[in-house]
N, C-alpha and C. Protein backbone atom coordinates (compact mmCIF):
# COMPACT_ATOMS: atom_id res chain seq x y z
N MET A 1 31.63 -6.10 -6.12
CA MET A 1 31.03 -7.29 -5.02
C MET A 1 29.98 -8.25 -5.23
N SER A 2 30.21 -9.73 -5.64
CA SER A 2 29.01 -10.13 -6.30
C SER A 2 28.01 -10.78 -5.08
N ARG A 3 27.04 -10.42 -4.95
CA ARG A 3 25.98 -11.26 -3.82
C ARG A 3 25.84 -12.77 -4.27
N ARG A 4 26.55 -13.29 -5.43
CA ARG A 4 26.30 -14.72 -5.87
C ARG A 4 27.44 -15.41 -4.99
N TYR A 5 27.63 -16.09 -4.00
CA TYR A 5 28.98 -17.02 -3.43
C TYR A 5 27.93 -17.95 -2.60
N PRO A 6 28.90 -19.04 -2.22
CA PRO A 6 28.52 -20.37 -1.77
C PRO A 6 28.40 -20.07 -0.29
N LEU A 7 27.24 -20.55 0.41
CA LEU A 7 27.27 -20.32 2.03
C LEU A 7 27.54 -21.62 2.44
N THR A 8 28.21 -21.41 3.61
CA THR A 8 28.74 -22.24 4.59
C THR A 8 27.88 -22.37 5.59
N ASN A 9 27.03 -21.39 5.96
CA ASN A 9 26.39 -21.24 6.98
C ASN A 9 24.86 -20.48 6.88
N PRO A 10 23.73 -20.90 6.84
CA PRO A 10 22.61 -19.97 6.43
C PRO A 10 22.48 -18.71 7.14
N PRO A 11 22.75 -18.33 8.22
CA PRO A 11 22.87 -17.14 8.95
C PRO A 11 23.69 -16.19 8.01
N GLU A 12 24.67 -16.69 6.81
CA GLU A 12 25.39 -15.53 6.82
C GLU A 12 24.35 -14.88 5.47
N LEU A 13 23.54 -15.67 5.17
CA LEU A 13 22.20 -14.55 4.23
C LEU A 13 21.68 -13.65 5.15
N ALA A 14 21.77 -13.14 6.32
CA ALA A 14 21.70 -11.95 6.91
C ALA A 14 22.56 -11.26 7.69
N SER A 15 23.98 -11.38 6.91
CA SER A 15 25.13 -10.98 7.43
C SER A 15 25.64 -9.44 6.71
N GLY A 16 24.50 -9.08 5.67
CA GLY A 16 24.71 -8.01 5.31
C GLY A 16 23.61 -7.04 5.61
N ALA A 17 23.34 -5.95 4.85
CA ALA A 17 22.51 -5.04 5.17
C ALA A 17 21.14 -5.63 5.50
N ARG A 18 20.24 -4.79 6.44
CA ARG A 18 18.80 -5.35 6.67
C ARG A 18 18.15 -5.33 5.32
N LEU A 19 17.60 -6.56 4.92
CA LEU A 19 16.92 -6.20 3.85
C LEU A 19 15.35 -6.99 3.85
N GLY A 20 15.01 -7.35 5.05
CA GLY A 20 13.43 -7.63 4.86
C GLY A 20 13.30 -8.07 6.53
N GLY A 21 12.05 -8.80 6.82
CA GLY A 21 11.69 -8.73 8.16
C GLY A 21 10.19 -9.14 8.11
N LYS A 22 9.76 -9.69 9.50
CA LYS A 22 8.34 -9.75 9.92
C LYS A 22 7.92 -9.43 11.35
N PHE A 23 6.56 -9.30 11.40
CA PHE A 23 5.89 -9.14 12.47
C PHE A 23 4.89 -10.18 12.75
N VAL A 24 5.28 -10.70 13.89
CA VAL A 24 3.88 -11.71 14.38
C VAL A 24 2.85 -11.73 15.33
N GLY A 25 1.42 -11.83 14.64
CA GLY A 25 0.53 -11.05 15.52
C GLY A 25 0.05 -12.22 16.94
N PRO A 26 -0.56 -11.47 17.96
CA PRO A 26 -1.01 -10.91 18.06
C PRO A 26 -0.16 -9.29 18.05
N TYR A 27 -0.21 -8.59 17.63
CA TYR A 27 0.68 -7.00 17.85
C TYR A 27 -0.15 -5.77 17.81
N THR A 28 -0.13 -4.96 18.75
CA THR A 28 -0.97 -3.79 19.12
C THR A 28 -0.59 -2.20 19.01
N SER A 29 0.71 -2.50 18.60
CA SER A 29 1.92 -1.62 18.40
C SER A 29 1.87 -1.05 16.91
N THR A 30 2.06 0.38 16.66
CA THR A 30 2.32 0.79 15.41
C THR A 30 3.81 -0.24 14.55
N MET A 31 3.65 -0.95 13.78
CA MET A 31 4.96 -1.95 13.04
C MET A 31 5.72 -0.91 11.89
N ALA A 32 6.98 -0.12 12.22
CA ALA A 32 7.81 0.12 11.40
C ALA A 32 8.29 -0.71 10.45
N ILE A 33 7.89 -0.48 9.36
CA ILE A 33 8.60 -1.78 8.10
C ILE A 33 9.70 -0.74 7.66
N TRP A 34 9.68 0.45 7.64
CA TRP A 34 11.12 1.19 6.98
C TRP A 34 10.73 2.64 7.20
N LYS A 35 12.01 3.27 7.57
CA LYS A 35 12.02 4.51 7.74
C LYS A 35 13.49 5.08 7.36
N GLY A 36 13.57 6.01 6.44
CA GLY A 36 14.89 6.25 5.94
C GLY A 36 15.14 5.78 4.52
N ARG A 37 16.49 6.13 4.03
CA ARG A 37 16.81 6.06 2.60
C ARG A 37 16.34 4.03 2.59
N PRO A 38 16.41 3.96 1.44
CA PRO A 38 16.16 2.26 0.86
C PRO A 38 17.59 1.86 1.33
N PRO A 39 17.61 0.80 1.45
CA PRO A 39 19.13 0.20 1.68
C PRO A 39 20.16 -0.08 0.54
N ILE A 40 21.43 0.10 1.08
CA ILE A 40 22.77 -0.03 0.08
C ILE A 40 23.35 -1.33 0.54
N TYR A 41 23.03 -2.39 -0.12
CA TYR A 41 23.80 -3.57 0.10
C TYR A 41 25.60 -3.33 -0.09
N SER A 42 25.62 -2.55 -0.85
CA SER A 42 27.35 -2.35 -0.58
C SER A 42 27.84 -1.08 -0.97
N PRO A 43 28.68 -0.53 -0.34
CA PRO A 43 29.02 1.01 -0.92
C PRO A 43 29.94 1.12 -1.64
N SER A 44 30.00 0.27 -2.53
CA SER A 44 30.48 0.30 -3.98
C SER A 44 29.61 0.66 -5.06
N TYR A 45 30.27 1.73 -5.82
CA TYR A 45 29.07 2.42 -6.83
C TYR A 45 28.68 1.29 -7.84
N ASP A 46 29.29 0.13 -7.95
CA ASP A 46 29.01 -0.77 -9.31
C ASP A 46 28.07 -1.96 -8.51
N GLU A 47 27.63 -1.88 -7.34
CA GLU A 47 26.81 -2.53 -6.71
C GLU A 47 25.04 -2.04 -6.77
N ALA A 48 24.03 -2.61 -7.40
CA ALA A 48 22.86 -2.29 -7.73
C ALA A 48 22.03 -1.83 -6.13
N GLU A 49 21.29 -1.04 -6.21
CA GLU A 49 20.90 -0.76 -4.63
C GLU A 49 19.46 -1.66 -4.84
N PRO A 50 19.09 -2.52 -3.76
CA PRO A 50 17.55 -2.91 -3.60
C PRO A 50 16.71 -1.91 -4.57
N ALA A 51 15.94 -2.40 -5.17
CA ALA A 51 14.75 -1.24 -6.31
C ALA A 51 13.37 -1.67 -5.48
N SER A 52 12.76 -2.67 -5.13
CA SER A 52 11.56 -2.55 -4.66
C SER A 52 11.45 -3.39 -3.57
N LEU A 53 10.18 -3.13 -2.89
CA LEU A 53 9.70 -3.23 -1.65
C LEU A 53 8.55 -4.32 -1.59
N VAL A 54 8.60 -5.20 -1.46
CA VAL A 54 7.55 -6.50 -1.48
C VAL A 54 6.92 -6.68 -0.09
N ILE A 55 5.60 -6.33 0.29
CA ILE A 55 4.82 -6.56 1.55
C ILE A 55 3.78 -7.41 1.23
N SER A 56 3.58 -8.29 2.26
CA SER A 56 2.64 -9.72 2.35
C SER A 56 2.27 -10.16 3.57
N ALA A 57 1.16 -10.72 3.98
CA ALA A 57 0.56 -11.26 5.27
C ALA A 57 -0.18 -12.06 4.89
N ILE A 58 0.27 -13.21 5.72
CA ILE A 58 -0.28 -14.74 5.95
C ILE A 58 -0.98 -15.07 7.16
N GLY A 59 -2.04 -15.65 7.35
CA GLY A 59 -2.92 -16.29 8.32
C GLY A 59 -3.56 -14.92 9.15
N GLY A 60 -4.05 -15.58 10.18
CA GLY A 60 -4.97 -14.63 10.77
C GLY A 60 -6.15 -15.38 11.56
N GLU A 61 -6.90 -15.00 12.62
CA GLU A 61 -7.93 -15.55 12.98
C GLU A 61 -9.08 -16.07 12.17
N ASN A 62 -9.30 -14.75 11.01
CA ASN A 62 -10.29 -14.82 10.41
C ASN A 62 -9.99 -15.09 9.18
N VAL A 63 -11.20 -15.61 8.57
CA VAL A 63 -10.35 -15.89 6.95
C VAL A 63 -10.91 -14.64 6.19
N GLY A 64 -10.06 -13.95 5.40
CA GLY A 64 -9.91 -12.86 5.00
C GLY A 64 -9.11 -11.23 5.74
N ASP A 65 -8.56 -11.62 6.97
CA ASP A 65 -7.98 -10.87 7.67
C ASP A 65 -7.20 -10.06 7.24
N THR A 66 -6.81 -8.92 7.14
CA THR A 66 -6.03 -7.75 6.57
C THR A 66 -5.34 -6.93 7.62
N VAL A 67 -4.07 -6.37 7.03
CA VAL A 67 -3.67 -5.20 7.97
C VAL A 67 -3.20 -3.95 7.28
N THR A 68 -3.50 -2.73 7.81
CA THR A 68 -3.74 -1.53 7.05
C THR A 68 -1.99 -1.02 7.14
N ILE A 69 -1.61 -0.54 6.04
CA ILE A 69 -0.26 -0.15 5.63
C ILE A 69 -0.21 0.95 5.14
N ASN A 70 0.47 2.23 5.74
CA ASN A 70 0.82 3.90 5.04
C ASN A 70 2.20 3.89 4.67
N PHE A 71 2.00 4.09 3.34
CA PHE A 71 3.58 4.56 2.77
C PHE A 71 3.86 5.73 2.48
N GLU A 72 5.03 6.43 2.78
CA GLU A 72 5.32 7.76 1.91
C GLU A 72 6.47 7.69 1.49
N GLY A 73 6.80 8.03 0.30
CA GLY A 73 8.02 8.08 -0.71
C GLY A 73 8.45 9.66 -0.68
N GLY A 74 9.60 10.04 -0.81
CA GLY A 74 9.66 11.70 -0.93
C GLY A 74 11.01 11.64 -1.64
N ASN A 75 11.77 13.17 -1.83
CA ASN A 75 12.68 13.40 -1.95
C ASN A 75 13.33 14.82 -1.29
N ALA A 76 14.58 15.17 -1.73
CA ALA A 76 15.24 16.35 -0.47
C ALA A 76 14.35 17.56 -0.86
N TRP A 77 13.69 17.41 -2.03
CA TRP A 77 13.13 18.83 -2.45
C TRP A 77 11.86 18.99 -1.71
N GLY A 78 10.93 17.73 -1.11
CA GLY A 78 9.81 18.11 -0.45
C GLY A 78 8.67 17.60 -0.89
N GLY A 79 9.07 16.92 -2.04
CA GLY A 79 7.95 15.86 -2.71
C GLY A 79 7.68 14.87 -2.25
N ILE A 80 6.48 14.38 -1.86
CA ILE A 80 6.11 13.27 -1.31
C ILE A 80 4.79 12.40 -1.92
N THR A 81 4.76 11.11 -2.41
CA THR A 81 3.85 10.54 -2.75
C THR A 81 3.55 9.57 -1.66
N ARG A 82 1.82 9.49 -1.23
CA ARG A 82 1.44 8.53 -0.44
C ARG A 82 0.57 7.56 -0.96
N ARG A 83 0.62 6.38 -0.02
CA ARG A 83 -0.43 5.55 -0.38
C ARG A 83 -1.25 4.80 0.79
N THR A 84 -2.12 4.60 1.05
CA THR A 84 -3.00 3.60 2.20
C THR A 84 -3.52 2.56 1.99
N PHE A 85 -3.30 0.99 2.02
CA PHE A 85 -3.40 0.24 1.61
C PHE A 85 -3.61 -0.96 2.52
N GLN A 86 -4.18 -2.03 2.27
CA GLN A 86 -4.33 -3.26 2.95
C GLN A 86 -3.55 -4.67 2.34
N VAL A 87 -2.99 -5.40 3.40
CA VAL A 87 -2.41 -6.42 2.62
C VAL A 87 -2.85 -7.73 3.24
N GLY A 88 -3.04 -8.85 3.13
CA GLY A 88 -3.64 -9.92 3.95
C GLY A 88 -3.38 -11.36 2.87
N GLN A 89 -4.29 -12.27 3.18
CA GLN A 89 -4.49 -13.53 2.15
C GLN A 89 -4.96 -12.59 1.01
N GLY A 90 -4.30 -13.24 -0.13
CA GLY A 90 -4.18 -12.96 -1.55
C GLY A 90 -4.11 -11.36 -1.80
N LEU A 91 -3.64 -10.85 -0.82
CA LEU A 91 -3.52 -9.23 -1.08
C LEU A 91 -1.98 -8.72 -0.85
N SER A 92 -1.05 -8.20 -1.74
CA SER A 92 0.47 -8.16 -1.56
C SER A 92 0.85 -6.87 -2.17
N ALA A 93 1.74 -6.34 -1.94
CA ALA A 93 1.83 -5.23 -2.48
C ALA A 93 3.46 -5.28 -2.84
N GLU A 94 3.49 -4.61 -4.30
CA GLU A 94 4.61 -4.40 -4.64
C GLU A 94 5.51 -3.24 -4.71
N LEU A 95 5.98 -2.42 -4.36
CA LEU A 95 6.57 -0.99 -4.56
C LEU A 95 7.80 -0.95 -5.12
N GLN A 96 7.86 0.07 -6.10
CA GLN A 96 9.21 0.65 -6.67
C GLN A 96 9.68 1.75 -5.80
N ALA A 97 9.77 1.30 -4.10
CA ALA A 97 10.15 2.13 -3.50
C ALA A 97 11.64 2.37 -3.46
N GLY A 98 12.40 1.90 -4.08
CA GLY A 98 13.89 2.04 -4.35
C GLY A 98 14.29 3.40 -5.08
N ALA A 99 13.15 3.76 -5.75
CA ALA A 99 13.14 4.91 -6.65
C ALA A 99 13.15 6.15 -5.70
N PHE A 100 12.83 6.10 -4.67
CA PHE A 100 12.44 7.14 -3.56
C PHE A 100 14.24 7.40 -3.07
N GLN A 101 14.20 8.63 -2.78
CA GLN A 101 15.38 9.09 -1.80
C GLN A 101 15.18 8.91 -0.24
N HIS A 102 14.08 8.87 0.20
CA HIS A 102 13.95 8.93 1.52
C HIS A 102 12.37 7.96 1.50
N ILE A 103 12.08 6.95 2.26
CA ILE A 103 10.58 6.30 2.67
C ILE A 103 10.33 6.31 4.34
N VAL A 104 8.88 6.24 4.41
CA VAL A 104 8.35 6.18 5.51
C VAL A 104 7.18 4.98 5.68
N CYS A 105 7.30 4.01 6.00
CA CYS A 105 6.56 2.68 5.76
C CYS A 105 5.90 1.75 6.88
N ARG A 106 4.76 2.50 7.33
CA ARG A 106 4.07 1.82 8.69
C ARG A 106 3.37 0.76 8.43
N ALA A 107 2.60 -0.24 9.10
CA ALA A 107 1.95 -0.88 9.34
C ALA A 107 1.02 -0.82 10.50
N GLU A 108 -0.44 -0.48 10.50
CA GLU A 108 -1.16 0.22 11.76
C GLU A 108 -2.02 -1.07 12.63
N PRO A 109 -1.73 -0.85 13.86
CA PRO A 109 -2.48 -1.92 14.77
C PRO A 109 -3.85 -1.83 14.30
N PRO A 110 -4.28 -3.39 14.81
CA PRO A 110 -3.54 -4.13 15.26
C PRO A 110 -3.21 -5.42 14.11
N LEU A 111 -2.34 -6.30 14.24
CA LEU A 111 -2.03 -7.14 13.82
C LEU A 111 -2.55 -8.50 14.27
N PRO A 112 -3.82 -9.16 13.72
CA PRO A 112 -4.57 -10.00 14.26
C PRO A 112 -3.56 -11.30 14.94
N ALA A 113 -4.10 -12.08 16.01
CA ALA A 113 -3.37 -13.41 16.38
C ALA A 113 -3.36 -13.99 14.98
N GLY A 114 -2.08 -14.94 14.88
CA GLY A 114 -2.10 -15.92 13.99
C GLY A 114 -1.34 -15.20 12.34
N MET A 115 -1.60 -13.76 12.30
CA MET A 115 -1.29 -13.55 11.49
C MET A 115 0.45 -13.18 11.37
N GLU A 116 1.33 -13.15 9.87
CA GLU A 116 2.43 -12.87 9.81
C GLU A 116 2.47 -11.93 9.07
N LEU A 117 3.06 -10.98 8.73
CA LEU A 117 3.45 -9.72 8.02
C LEU A 117 4.87 -9.34 7.43
N PHE A 118 5.01 -9.85 6.38
CA PHE A 118 6.38 -9.97 5.70
C PHE A 118 6.69 -8.36 4.94
N PHE A 119 7.92 -8.48 4.91
CA PHE A 119 8.63 -7.06 4.25
C PHE A 119 9.82 -7.93 3.72
N SER A 120 9.92 -7.48 2.38
CA SER A 120 11.49 -8.00 1.68
C SER A 120 12.07 -7.00 0.42
N TRP A 121 13.05 -6.29 0.56
CA TRP A 121 13.37 -5.60 -0.55
C TRP A 121 13.93 -6.42 -1.55
N THR A 122 14.21 -6.18 -2.66
CA THR A 122 14.47 -7.25 -3.97
C THR A 122 15.64 -6.15 -4.97
N TRP A 123 16.48 -6.99 -5.39
CA TRP A 123 17.24 -5.94 -6.35
C TRP A 123 16.53 -5.81 -7.71
N ASP A 124 15.54 -6.95 -8.20
CA ASP A 124 15.12 -6.14 -9.45
C ASP A 124 14.14 -5.71 -9.44
N ALA A 125 13.67 -4.85 -10.53
CA ALA A 125 12.69 -3.79 -10.07
C ALA A 125 11.23 -4.34 -10.43
N VAL A 126 10.46 -5.27 -9.69
CA VAL A 126 9.30 -5.78 -10.37
C VAL A 126 8.33 -4.93 -10.34
N ASN A 127 7.34 -5.42 -11.27
CA ASN A 127 6.46 -4.69 -11.52
C ASN A 127 5.71 -4.11 -10.78
N ARG A 128 5.30 -2.50 -10.30
CA ARG A 128 4.53 -2.31 -9.40
C ARG A 128 2.95 -2.75 -9.49
N SER A 129 2.50 -3.33 -8.11
CA SER A 129 1.00 -3.95 -8.08
C SER A 129 0.02 -2.74 -7.66
N GLU A 130 -0.98 -3.27 -8.62
CA GLU A 130 -2.09 -2.20 -8.04
C GLU A 130 -2.69 -2.57 -6.43
N LEU A 131 -2.66 -1.58 -5.84
CA LEU A 131 -3.08 -1.45 -4.37
C LEU A 131 -4.71 -1.42 -3.74
N ILE A 132 -5.04 -2.11 -2.75
CA ILE A 132 -6.33 -2.11 -2.67
C ILE A 132 -6.49 -1.51 -1.29
N ARG A 133 -7.50 -0.73 -0.98
CA ARG A 133 -8.18 -0.14 0.42
C ARG A 133 -9.52 0.07 0.39
N PHE A 134 -10.01 -0.35 1.53
CA PHE A 134 -10.85 -0.53 2.26
C PHE A 134 -11.45 0.80 2.64
N PHE A 135 -12.92 1.46 2.38
CA PHE A 135 -13.36 2.83 2.98
C PHE A 135 -14.57 2.61 3.37
N ASP A 136 -14.96 3.25 4.61
CA ASP A 136 -16.51 3.17 5.05
C ASP A 136 -17.09 4.37 4.70
N TYR A 137 -18.40 4.52 4.39
CA TYR A 137 -19.00 5.62 4.20
C TYR A 137 -19.92 5.63 4.93
N PRO A 138 -20.10 6.12 6.10
CA PRO A 138 -21.43 5.73 6.88
C PRO A 138 -22.55 7.01 6.91
N VAL A 139 -22.45 8.28 6.19
CA VAL A 139 -23.02 9.35 6.37
C VAL A 139 -23.41 9.25 4.75
N ALA A 140 -24.48 9.38 4.05
CA ALA A 140 -24.97 9.27 3.10
C ALA A 140 -25.11 11.10 2.59
N ASN A 141 -24.36 11.15 1.37
CA ASN A 141 -24.25 12.93 0.87
C ASN A 141 -23.19 13.59 1.32
N THR A 142 -22.11 13.23 2.12
CA THR A 142 -20.96 13.76 2.54
C THR A 142 -20.11 13.80 1.64
N GLN A 143 -19.40 14.53 1.10
CA GLN A 143 -18.66 15.14 0.21
C GLN A 143 -17.14 14.64 1.00
N ILE A 144 -16.21 14.01 0.20
CA ILE A 144 -14.94 13.22 0.67
C ILE A 144 -14.01 13.57 -0.48
N ASP A 145 -13.06 13.87 0.08
CA ASP A 145 -11.61 13.88 -1.18
C ASP A 145 -11.22 12.02 -1.00
N LEU A 146 -10.93 11.71 -2.64
CA LEU A 146 -10.66 10.42 -2.73
C LEU A 146 -9.26 10.11 -2.23
N PRO A 147 -8.65 9.13 -2.05
CA PRO A 147 -7.37 8.96 -1.64
C PRO A 147 -6.30 8.89 -2.57
N GLU A 148 -5.24 9.44 -2.44
CA GLU A 148 -4.04 9.87 -3.58
C GLU A 148 -3.94 8.56 -4.27
N GLY A 149 -3.80 8.85 -5.66
CA GLY A 149 -3.73 7.48 -6.50
C GLY A 149 -5.26 6.76 -7.11
N ILE A 150 -6.09 7.01 -6.46
CA ILE A 150 -7.41 6.44 -7.05
C ILE A 150 -7.58 6.25 -8.47
N HIS A 151 -7.96 4.76 -8.44
CA HIS A 151 -7.92 4.28 -9.79
C HIS A 151 -9.32 4.25 -10.27
N SER A 152 -9.83 3.19 -9.20
CA SER A 152 -11.25 2.59 -9.36
C SER A 152 -11.99 2.59 -8.42
N VAL A 153 -13.49 2.33 -7.95
CA VAL A 153 -14.22 2.18 -7.00
C VAL A 153 -15.27 1.08 -7.20
N THR A 154 -15.16 -0.21 -5.87
CA THR A 154 -16.47 -0.94 -6.16
C THR A 154 -17.34 -0.34 -5.00
N PRO A 155 -18.47 -0.35 -5.00
CA PRO A 155 -19.32 0.13 -4.18
C PRO A 155 -19.91 -1.13 -3.19
N GLU A 156 -20.62 -1.53 -2.09
CA GLU A 156 -21.02 -2.50 -1.65
C GLU A 156 -22.64 -2.45 -2.15
N SER A 157 -23.21 -1.27 -2.08
CA SER A 157 -24.36 -1.20 -2.29
C SER A 157 -24.79 -0.11 -3.54
N ALA A 158 -25.74 -0.78 -4.44
CA ALA A 158 -26.06 0.40 -5.44
C ALA A 158 -26.16 1.67 -5.13
N CYS A 159 -25.94 2.39 -5.73
CA CYS A 159 -25.63 3.91 -5.71
C CYS A 159 -25.46 5.00 -6.58
N GLN A 160 -25.74 6.24 -6.42
CA GLN A 160 -25.07 6.99 -7.29
C GLN A 160 -23.95 7.84 -6.77
N LEU A 161 -22.98 7.90 -7.57
CA LEU A 161 -21.51 8.99 -7.07
C LEU A 161 -21.54 10.27 -7.55
N ILE A 162 -21.60 11.23 -7.07
CA ILE A 162 -21.63 12.61 -7.59
C ILE A 162 -20.45 13.00 -7.30
N TYR A 163 -19.97 13.32 -8.41
CA TYR A 163 -18.20 14.05 -8.52
C TYR A 163 -18.34 15.38 -8.38
N GLN A 164 -17.39 15.73 -7.68
CA GLN A 164 -17.57 17.26 -7.26
C GLN A 164 -16.20 17.63 -7.92
N ILE A 165 -16.78 19.19 -8.41
CA ILE A 165 -15.46 19.38 -9.75
C ILE A 165 -15.85 21.17 -9.45
N PRO A 166 -15.62 21.81 -8.27
CA PRO A 166 -15.72 22.95 -8.32
C PRO A 166 -14.99 24.26 -8.71
N GLN A 167 -13.95 23.68 -8.93
CA GLN A 167 -13.14 24.66 -9.60
C GLN A 167 -13.86 24.75 -11.26
N PHE A 168 -14.63 23.65 -11.77
CA PHE A 168 -15.38 24.01 -13.03
C PHE A 168 -16.75 24.50 -12.70
N GLY A 169 -17.62 24.39 -11.53
CA GLY A 169 -18.69 24.86 -10.97
C GLY A 169 -19.56 24.12 -11.32
N THR A 170 -19.36 22.42 -11.37
CA THR A 170 -20.20 21.35 -11.80
C THR A 170 -20.00 20.38 -10.87
N THR A 171 -20.88 19.34 -11.39
CA THR A 171 -20.83 18.00 -10.65
C THR A 171 -21.25 16.86 -11.76
N PHE A 172 -20.88 15.90 -11.77
CA PHE A 172 -21.14 15.07 -12.74
C PHE A 172 -21.30 13.37 -11.97
N THR A 173 -22.60 12.93 -12.02
CA THR A 173 -22.97 11.49 -11.51
C THR A 173 -23.22 10.44 -12.21
N LYS A 174 -23.22 9.28 -11.39
CA LYS A 174 -22.32 8.04 -12.09
C LYS A 174 -23.30 7.14 -11.29
N SER A 175 -24.38 6.59 -12.06
CA SER A 175 -25.11 5.42 -11.18
C SER A 175 -24.34 3.60 -11.38
N VAL A 176 -23.98 3.45 -10.20
CA VAL A 176 -23.48 2.11 -9.95
C VAL A 176 -24.14 1.35 -9.35
N SER A 177 -24.01 -0.12 -9.78
CA SER A 177 -24.61 -1.32 -9.15
C SER A 177 -23.86 -1.85 -8.03
N ALA A 178 -24.25 -2.69 -7.15
CA ALA A 178 -23.71 -3.32 -6.06
C ALA A 178 -22.83 -3.99 -6.57
N GLY A 179 -21.35 -3.96 -6.15
CA GLY A 179 -20.49 -4.66 -6.30
C GLY A 179 -19.49 -4.38 -7.96
N GLU A 180 -20.12 -3.17 -8.67
CA GLU A 180 -19.88 -2.96 -9.86
C GLU A 180 -18.59 -2.17 -9.56
N GLU A 181 -17.33 -2.80 -10.33
CA GLU A 181 -16.03 -1.59 -10.24
C GLU A 181 -16.13 -0.62 -11.33
N VAL A 182 -15.96 0.70 -11.15
CA VAL A 182 -15.82 1.61 -12.18
C VAL A 182 -14.55 2.71 -12.01
N CYS A 183 -14.41 3.46 -12.91
CA CYS A 183 -12.96 4.09 -12.74
C CYS A 183 -13.81 5.51 -12.20
N CYS A 184 -12.75 5.95 -11.49
CA CYS A 184 -12.92 7.34 -10.71
C CYS A 184 -12.76 7.96 -11.90
N HIS A 185 -13.59 9.45 -12.15
CA HIS A 185 -13.60 10.35 -12.91
C HIS A 185 -13.16 11.77 -12.44
N TRP A 186 -13.09 11.57 -11.03
CA TRP A 186 -12.42 13.13 -10.28
C TRP A 186 -11.87 12.57 -9.12
N GLY A 187 -11.39 13.78 -8.03
CA GLY A 187 -10.73 13.32 -6.95
C GLY A 187 -11.63 13.68 -5.94
N ALA A 188 -12.61 13.94 -6.00
CA ALA A 188 -13.49 14.24 -4.61
C ALA A 188 -15.13 13.56 -4.98
N PHE A 189 -16.05 13.35 -3.98
CA PHE A 189 -16.92 12.71 -4.68
C PHE A 189 -17.94 12.44 -3.47
N SER A 190 -19.54 12.86 -3.65
CA SER A 190 -20.41 12.03 -2.53
C SER A 190 -21.21 10.95 -3.10
N CYS A 191 -21.87 10.77 -2.15
CA CYS A 191 -22.78 9.15 -2.44
C CYS A 191 -24.14 9.28 -1.68
N ASN A 192 -25.06 9.01 -2.79
CA ASN A 192 -26.56 9.25 -2.22
C ASN A 192 -27.01 8.02 -0.92
N VAL A 193 -26.53 7.41 -0.65
CA VAL A 193 -26.38 6.16 0.31
C VAL A 193 -25.18 5.97 1.33
N ALA A 194 -25.33 5.55 2.42
CA ALA A 194 -24.15 5.11 3.29
C ALA A 194 -23.72 3.70 2.96
N THR A 195 -22.80 3.53 2.92
CA THR A 195 -22.16 2.24 2.27
C THR A 195 -20.90 2.12 2.47
N LYS A 196 -20.43 0.95 1.63
CA LYS A 196 -18.85 0.84 1.70
C LYS A 196 -17.91 0.57 0.49
N PHE A 197 -17.02 0.92 0.46
CA PHE A 197 -16.33 0.80 -0.97
C PHE A 197 -15.00 0.14 -0.81
N ILE A 198 -14.44 -0.33 -2.06
CA ILE A 198 -13.09 -1.04 -2.07
C ILE A 198 -12.75 -0.21 -3.26
N PHE A 199 -11.73 0.64 -2.89
CA PHE A 199 -10.86 1.40 -3.71
C PHE A 199 -9.62 0.95 -4.05
N LYS A 200 -9.45 0.95 -5.70
CA LYS A 200 -8.30 0.28 -6.18
C LYS A 200 -7.34 1.70 -6.64
N LEU A 201 -5.97 1.72 -6.16
CA LEU A 201 -5.46 2.68 -6.14
C LEU A 201 -4.18 1.91 -6.90
N ARG A 202 -3.56 3.33 -8.08
CA ARG A 202 -2.42 3.22 -8.85
C ARG A 202 -1.07 2.87 -7.54
N GLY A 203 -0.18 1.47 -8.17
CA GLY A 203 0.80 1.50 -7.07
C GLY A 203 1.84 2.55 -7.34
N VAL A 204 3.09 2.48 -6.44
CA VAL A 204 4.12 3.28 -6.68
C VAL A 204 5.52 2.67 -7.39
């Protein structure tokens, strides 16, 4: 069944499987983007299933407003891949979510007034994007586990990152300037000052 056919009425575009949607702020409840199997546009085996989930947001009361997204992709054997990240002006997410057997994707409240959160499934496997996550670190010298998929870290203030490697009985220290992006060298660290971080995560 081809998806390329002439339209006589614009609503025909939404006459098949649900392939997208949007939320309009202000919104104070959890926003369920998707829960369950990736969608199937046609029950026939010769029709490709949507491969990628694209999430974006525009608008908001303040310059730089964002909304937090929680994503889990898994399979029947219990394996789960997780990411928590933000989308907003200039920040979008392209996820190869169609590769999972089951996904749960939610946006955390609040969605600021004037902001619109969009999601759309696409047939083409777009390149997965890097994901951006904000992290507050209010107490110095607190050991924390870094989020799944961590790639690099950018601190607000100049600091020292002390990577915790208990399996091998050691730590590694990295001095970082304010606003400097550095690769993460291990999955846990502490920091010698209270600060805030921007984490860059590998996409799924």
